[in-house]
Amino acid sequence: MDDCTWYSTILFLKHKGEATDRINKHITKVERNFGKVLKWMIFDNGKELVNIETKKWAAQKGIIIETTAPYSPSQNRVAERFNWTIMELAWAMLISSGLPIFLWDEATSHTNYL
């Protein structure tokens, strides 16, 4: 989520090990599409996001990685609230429409554009 414009993108992962590659591809896509260079990223302390590979990649691109304190979602409150809102909307859509639960990713993708 961009703090300035509140533009958001949801990336789905089958395994946590895909996180670094997905972040790299997404950042490259954003830089190409908008012509802006990313200066910093804020993550929670999840090891799937903040690892040696991600740190090395960010250092090569000149991106600063900031992390929140462990077990403190209040430090990242905009993103945390966004995540809760998106998930609540997706579950409400699935329940009210009677669609099967395996479509939660499609419902989640759709709620990002509401």
Protein backbone atom coordinates (compact mmCIF):
# COMPACT_ATOMS: atom_id res chain seq x y z
CA MET A 1 0.00 0.00 0.00
CA ASP A 2 1.31 3.40 -0.96
CA ASP A 3 1.01 5.76 2.02
CA CYS A 4 0.57 8.83 -0.19
CA THR A 5 -2.08 7.65 -2.66
CA TRP A 6 -3.36 4.58 -0.78
CA TYR A 7 -2.92 2.61 -4.00
CA SER A 8 -2.78 -1.04 -3.06
CA THR A 9 -1.93 -4.33 -4.66
CA ILE A 10 -2.58 -7.78 -3.30
CA LEU A 11 -0.03 -10.49 -4.07
CA PHE A 12 -1.00 -14.11 -3.43
CA LEU A 13 1.56 -16.72 -2.43
CA LYS A 14 1.27 -20.51 -2.48
CA HIS A 15 4.31 -20.79 -0.21
CA LYS A 16 6.08 -18.24 1.99
CA GLY A 17 9.29 -18.92 0.09
CA GLU A 18 7.83 -17.13 -2.94
CA ALA A 19 7.66 -13.80 -1.11
CA THR A 20 11.07 -12.42 -2.11
CA ASP A 21 10.63 -13.22 -5.79
CA ARG A 22 7.10 -11.78 -5.87
CA ILE A 23 8.24 -8.57 -4.15
CA ASN A 24 11.14 -8.18 -6.60
CA LYS A 25 8.88 -8.63 -9.62
CA HIS A 26 6.22 -6.30 -8.24
CA ILE A 27 8.69 -3.52 -7.43
CA THR A 28 10.21 -3.79 -10.91
CA LYS A 29 6.73 -3.60 -12.45
CA VAL A 30 5.79 -0.54 -10.38
CA GLU A 31 9.02 1.24 -11.30
CA ARG A 32 8.48 0.51 -15.00
CA ASN A 33 4.80 1.49 -15.05
CA PHE A 34 5.03 4.67 -12.98
CA GLY A 35 8.58 5.78 -13.72
CA LYS A 36 9.29 6.22 -10.02
CA VAL A 37 12.12 4.66 -8.05
CA LEU A 38 11.16 3.07 -4.76
CA LYS A 39 13.04 4.57 -1.81
CA TRP A 40 11.94 2.43 1.14
CA MET A 41 9.68 -0.41 2.18
CA ILE A 42 8.16 -1.12 5.56
CA PHE A 43 7.62 -4.74 6.61
CA ASP A 44 6.61 -6.49 9.74
CA ASN A 45 9.37 -8.76 11.03
CA GLY A 46 8.22 -11.79 9.04
CA LYS A 47 11.25 -13.85 8.07
CA GLU A 48 9.68 -14.61 4.69
CA LEU A 49 9.90 -10.89 3.89
CA VAL A 50 13.00 -9.72 5.73
CA ASN A 51 15.75 -12.18 4.86
CA ILE A 52 19.27 -12.07 3.45
CA GLU A 53 18.07 -12.37 -0.14
CA THR A 54 15.61 -9.47 0.16
CA LYS A 55 18.13 -7.30 2.00
CA LYS A 56 20.77 -7.94 -0.66
CA TRP A 57 18.35 -7.15 -3.48
CA ALA A 58 17.17 -3.95 -1.77
CA ALA A 59 20.75 -2.81 -1.12
CA GLN A 60 21.60 -3.27 -4.81
CA LYS A 61 18.62 -1.09 -5.79
CA GLY A 62 19.25 1.47 -3.05
CA ILE A 63 16.00 0.67 -1.22
CA ILE A 64 15.86 1.07 2.55
CA ILE A 65 13.99 -1.67 4.42
CA GLU A 66 12.34 -0.66 7.68
CA THR A 67 10.73 -3.14 10.02
CA THR A 68 8.21 -2.76 12.79
CA ALA A 69 8.83 -4.03 16.29
CA PRO A 70 7.85 -7.69 16.78
CA TYR A 71 4.21 -8.30 17.75
CA SER A 72 3.23 -4.66 17.33
CA PRO A 73 0.66 -4.33 14.53
CA SER A 74 -0.14 -0.83 15.80
CA GLN A 75 3.09 0.43 14.21
CA ASN A 76 1.76 -0.54 10.79
CA ARG A 77 -1.85 0.34 11.50
CA VAL A 78 -2.89 1.54 8.02
CA ALA A 79 -1.78 -1.68 6.35
CA GLU A 80 -3.12 -3.85 9.17
CA ARG A 81 -6.54 -2.19 9.04
CA PHE A 82 -6.51 -2.49 5.25
CA ASN A 83 -5.80 -6.23 5.52
CA TRP A 84 -8.65 -6.74 8.02
CA THR A 85 -11.08 -4.74 5.88
CA ILE A 86 -10.20 -6.63 2.71
CA MET A 87 -10.54 -10.03 4.39
CA GLU A 88 -13.85 -9.12 6.05
CA LEU A 89 -15.25 -7.91 2.73
CA ALA A 90 -14.10 -11.05 0.93
CA TRP A 91 -15.62 -13.39 3.52
CA ALA A 92 -18.87 -11.40 3.53
CA MET A 93 -19.06 -11.64 -0.26
CA LEU A 94 -18.50 -15.41 -0.20
CA ILE A 95 -21.02 -16.04 2.56
CA SER A 96 -23.74 -13.80 1.15
CA SER A 97 -23.39 -15.18 -2.38
CA GLY A 98 -23.14 -18.80 -1.28
CA LEU A 99 -19.92 -19.34 -3.25
CA PRO A 100 -17.43 -22.00 -2.13
CA ILE A 101 -14.55 -21.01 0.13
CA PHE A 102 -11.88 -22.00 -2.38
CA LEU A 103 -12.76 -18.80 -4.29
CA TRP A 104 -11.54 -16.58 -1.44
CA ASP A 105 -8.57 -15.33 -3.48
CA GLU A 106 -10.86 -14.17 -6.28
CA ALA A 107 -13.14 -12.46 -3.77
CA THR A 108 -10.13 -10.82 -2.11
CA SER A 109 -8.82 -9.56 -5.44
CA HIS A 110 -12.21 -8.08 -6.24
CA THR A 111 -12.51 -6.26 -2.91
CA ASN A 112 -9.28 -4.40 -3.60
CA TYR A 113 -11.06 -2.54 -6.41
CA LEU A 114 -14.25 -1.61 -4.55
